[in-house]
Amino acid sequence: MSTSAFASDPTATHEPIFAVERWSATSGSARSSRADLVLTGAGRRWRAHTNGNGAVDALLKAVDIALGAVLGEGVELQTYNVHATGHGHDTSAAVTVSLRPRSDDPHAPAYPGRAVHENILEASLTAYVDAINRLVTHGNVDVAAAAPAPDATEVPARADDADTSEHHKERFMEMFNH
């Protein structure tokens, strides 16, 4: 479909610009959630690592960080909906989202994203990337020009990661020694 079709309909089907290569998320009741992800697009890998208020929040924030050079002022999540596609524990999650570019314009268009997957985190992440693909396509963003140098979005290891690992190791050893 041509780019001009998006000028009138941000919900039109599109060729994806970005795709999820891999991701991981951890979450728990006694710790903050973390996410790592790698997206591909424009001949590059876009990487990020961040914390969030739950695994979904951490994953969506990681996308925002990884694609910061493309998203400019960023995006605002407008809606997030999850529905089961059937009954029982084996059913898939259908996730729909909508987002807007961060702007002073209250009439800025909202871009929908959709995904279905048996893993609710995968469905959430894929729907969010789908919406970003629509926004980038509709906004005629030159992704290649916005792309940083290869691996420039790689988030360096945090200084406290080694300290945190050492602290966990000490606590683990104390449990067995007492």
Protein backbone atom coordinates (compact mmCIF):
# COMPACT_ATOMS: atom_id res chain seq x y z
CA MET A 1 0.00 0.00 0.00
CA SER A 2 1.31 3.45 -0.80
CA THR A 3 2.29 5.93 1.89
CA SER A 4 -0.34 8.37 0.62
CA ALA A 5 -3.07 6.00 1.82
CA PHE A 6 -1.89 6.62 5.38
CA ALA A 7 -2.34 10.37 5.03
CA SER A 8 -6.09 9.85 5.21
CA ASP A 9 -6.31 6.66 7.28
CA PRO A 10 -3.79 5.88 10.05
CA THR A 11 -5.60 2.56 10.60
CA ALA A 12 -4.81 1.28 7.09
CA THR A 13 -2.71 -1.87 6.77
CA HIS A 14 1.01 -1.31 6.42
CA GLU A 15 4.34 -2.97 5.87
CA PRO A 16 6.08 -3.17 9.26
CA ILE A 17 9.19 -1.04 9.64
CA PHE A 18 10.19 -2.39 13.04
CA ALA A 19 9.99 -5.97 14.27
CA VAL A 20 10.73 -7.59 17.60
CA GLU A 21 13.85 -9.73 17.38
CA ARG A 22 13.96 -10.79 21.02
CA TRP A 23 12.91 -9.65 24.47
CA SER A 24 12.95 -10.63 28.09
CA ALA A 25 11.11 -9.30 31.11
CA THR A 26 11.24 -10.08 34.80
CA SER A 27 8.75 -9.04 37.42
CA GLY A 28 7.90 -9.83 40.99
CA SER A 29 6.01 -8.55 43.99
CA ALA A 30 9.14 -7.57 45.91
CA ARG A 31 11.17 -5.96 43.13
CA SER A 32 10.85 -3.63 40.18
CA SER A 33 10.20 -5.09 36.78
CA ARG A 34 12.90 -5.09 34.13
CA ALA A 35 12.90 -5.51 30.39
CA ASP A 36 15.52 -5.98 27.71
CA LEU A 37 14.69 -5.96 24.05
CA VAL A 38 16.11 -5.83 20.57
CA LEU A 39 14.09 -4.49 17.66
CA THR A 40 15.14 -4.60 14.02
CA GLY A 41 14.40 -2.02 11.35
CA ALA A 42 16.11 0.18 8.77
CA GLY A 43 18.99 -2.27 8.62
CA ARG A 44 19.76 -1.78 12.32
CA ARG A 45 19.20 -3.32 15.71
CA TRP A 46 17.56 -1.03 18.26
CA ARG A 47 18.29 -2.10 21.84
CA ALA A 48 17.18 -1.02 25.30
CA HIS A 49 17.11 -2.11 28.91
CA THR A 50 14.91 -0.43 31.50
CA ASN A 51 12.75 -0.80 34.60
CA GLY A 52 9.02 -0.31 34.84
CA ASN A 53 5.90 -0.69 36.93
CA GLY A 54 5.21 -4.26 35.84
CA ALA A 55 6.55 -6.30 32.95
CA VAL A 56 4.30 -4.72 30.30
CA ASP A 57 5.25 -1.19 31.38
CA ALA A 58 8.96 -2.09 31.33
CA LEU A 59 8.68 -3.58 27.82
CA LEU A 60 6.80 -0.58 26.40
CA LYS A 61 9.27 1.84 28.00
CA ALA A 62 12.12 -0.17 26.49
CA VAL A 63 10.57 0.30 23.02
CA ASP A 64 10.32 4.04 23.66
CA ILE A 65 13.99 4.17 24.69
CA ALA A 66 15.21 2.02 21.81
CA LEU A 67 13.31 4.09 19.25
CA GLY A 68 13.88 7.47 20.90
CA ALA A 69 15.75 8.83 17.88
CA VAL A 70 12.79 7.96 15.64
CA LEU A 71 9.99 8.97 18.01
CA GLY A 72 11.35 12.42 18.80
CA GLU A 73 9.18 13.83 21.59
CA GLY A 74 7.89 10.32 22.26
CA VAL A 75 4.44 8.79 22.32
CA GLU A 76 1.59 8.59 24.81
CA LEU A 77 -0.31 5.36 25.28
CA GLN A 78 -4.02 6.18 24.96
CA THR A 79 -5.63 2.75 25.34
CA TYR A 80 -4.51 -0.75 26.30
CA ASN A 81 -6.98 -3.64 26.14
CA VAL A 82 -6.50 -7.36 26.65
CA HIS A 83 -9.07 -10.02 25.85
CA ALA A 84 -8.94 -13.80 25.88
CA THR A 85 -9.59 -15.38 22.49
CA GLY A 86 -11.26 -18.40 24.06
CA HIS A 87 -11.76 -20.26 27.32
CA GLY A 88 -9.26 -21.86 29.64
CA HIS A 89 -5.58 -21.41 30.40
CA ASP A 90 -4.44 -22.38 26.92
CA THR A 91 -6.17 -19.49 25.17
CA SER A 92 -4.34 -16.63 23.48
CA ALA A 93 -4.37 -12.98 24.45
CA ALA A 94 -5.70 -10.43 21.97
CA VAL A 95 -4.17 -7.05 22.74
CA THR A 96 -5.17 -3.73 21.21
CA VAL A 97 -3.49 -0.43 21.94
CA SER A 98 -3.67 3.09 20.64
CA LEU A 99 -1.04 5.78 20.97
CA ARG A 100 -0.47 9.36 19.94
CA PRO A 101 2.67 11.32 19.31
CA ARG A 102 3.44 13.49 22.33
CA SER A 103 2.21 16.90 21.24
CA ASP A 104 0.32 20.01 22.29
CA ASP A 105 -2.27 19.18 19.63
CA PRO A 106 -5.27 17.56 21.38
CA HIS A 107 -6.52 16.45 17.96
CA ALA A 108 -3.37 14.56 16.98
CA PRO A 109 -4.39 11.23 15.43
CA ALA A 110 -4.29 8.05 17.49
CA TYR A 111 -2.61 5.03 15.92
CA PRO A 112 -3.96 1.55 16.68
CA GLY A 113 -1.92 -1.58 17.18
CA ARG A 114 -3.11 -5.16 17.43
CA ALA A 115 -1.61 -8.56 18.19
CA VAL A 116 -2.67 -12.03 19.26
CA HIS A 117 -0.29 -14.42 20.99
CA GLU A 118 -0.44 -17.11 23.67
CA ASN A 119 1.99 -15.01 25.74
CA ILE A 120 0.34 -11.82 26.99
CA LEU A 121 3.69 -10.00 27.16
CA GLU A 122 4.50 -10.91 23.56
CA ALA A 123 1.04 -9.81 22.44
CA SER A 124 1.37 -6.50 24.32
CA LEU A 125 4.82 -5.75 22.92
CA THR A 126 3.85 -6.70 19.36
CA ALA A 127 0.67 -4.58 19.46
CA TYR A 128 2.68 -1.57 20.69
CA VAL A 129 5.28 -1.99 17.93
CA ASP A 130 2.43 -2.37 15.42
CA ALA A 131 1.02 1.01 16.52
CA ILE A 132 4.46 2.62 16.29
CA ASN A 133 4.87 1.22 12.78
CA ARG A 134 1.59 2.88 11.80
CA LEU A 135 2.65 6.19 13.38
CA VAL A 136 6.04 6.16 11.64
CA THR A 137 4.52 5.22 8.28
CA HIS A 138 1.69 7.74 8.53
CA GLY A 139 4.06 10.49 9.68
CA ASN A 140 6.46 9.79 6.79
CA VAL A 141 9.36 9.53 9.25
CA ASP A 142 12.70 8.92 7.53
CA VAL A 143 13.81 6.07 9.79
CA ALA A 144 17.16 5.65 8.02
CA ALA A 145 18.04 9.32 8.68
CA ALA A 146 16.92 9.08 12.32
CA ALA A 147 18.80 5.82 12.89
CA PRO A 148 21.79 6.10 15.18
CA ALA A 149 25.08 4.48 14.33
CA PRO A 150 24.93 0.68 14.61
CA ASP A 151 24.56 -0.45 18.23
CA ALA A 152 24.39 3.17 19.47
CA THR A 153 21.18 2.39 21.35
CA GLU A 154 22.94 -0.35 23.28
CA VAL A 155 22.43 0.57 26.91
CA PRO A 156 25.68 0.15 28.83
CA ALA A 157 25.75 -2.12 31.83
CA ARG A 158 24.69 -0.26 34.93
CA ALA A 159 27.28 0.14 37.63
CA ASP A 160 24.87 -1.16 40.26
CA ASP A 161 24.18 -4.42 38.37
CA ALA A 162 27.44 -5.95 39.62
CA ASP A 163 26.75 -4.66 43.13
CA THR A 164 23.22 -6.04 43.03
CA SER A 165 24.47 -9.44 41.85
CA GLU A 166 27.07 -9.52 44.60
CA HIS A 167 24.42 -8.58 47.18
CA HIS A 168 22.10 -11.37 45.97
CA LYS A 169 24.95 -13.86 46.07
CA GLU A 170 25.77 -12.88 49.66
CA ARG A 171 22.11 -13.20 50.75
CA PHE A 172 21.84 -16.57 48.99
CA MET A 173 24.96 -17.86 50.76
CA GLU A 174 23.70 -16.60 54.13
CA MET A 175 20.48 -18.62 53.70
CA PHE A 176 22.48 -21.85 53.33
CA ASN A 177 25.00 -21.03 56.03
CA HIS A 178 22.45 -20.40 58.75
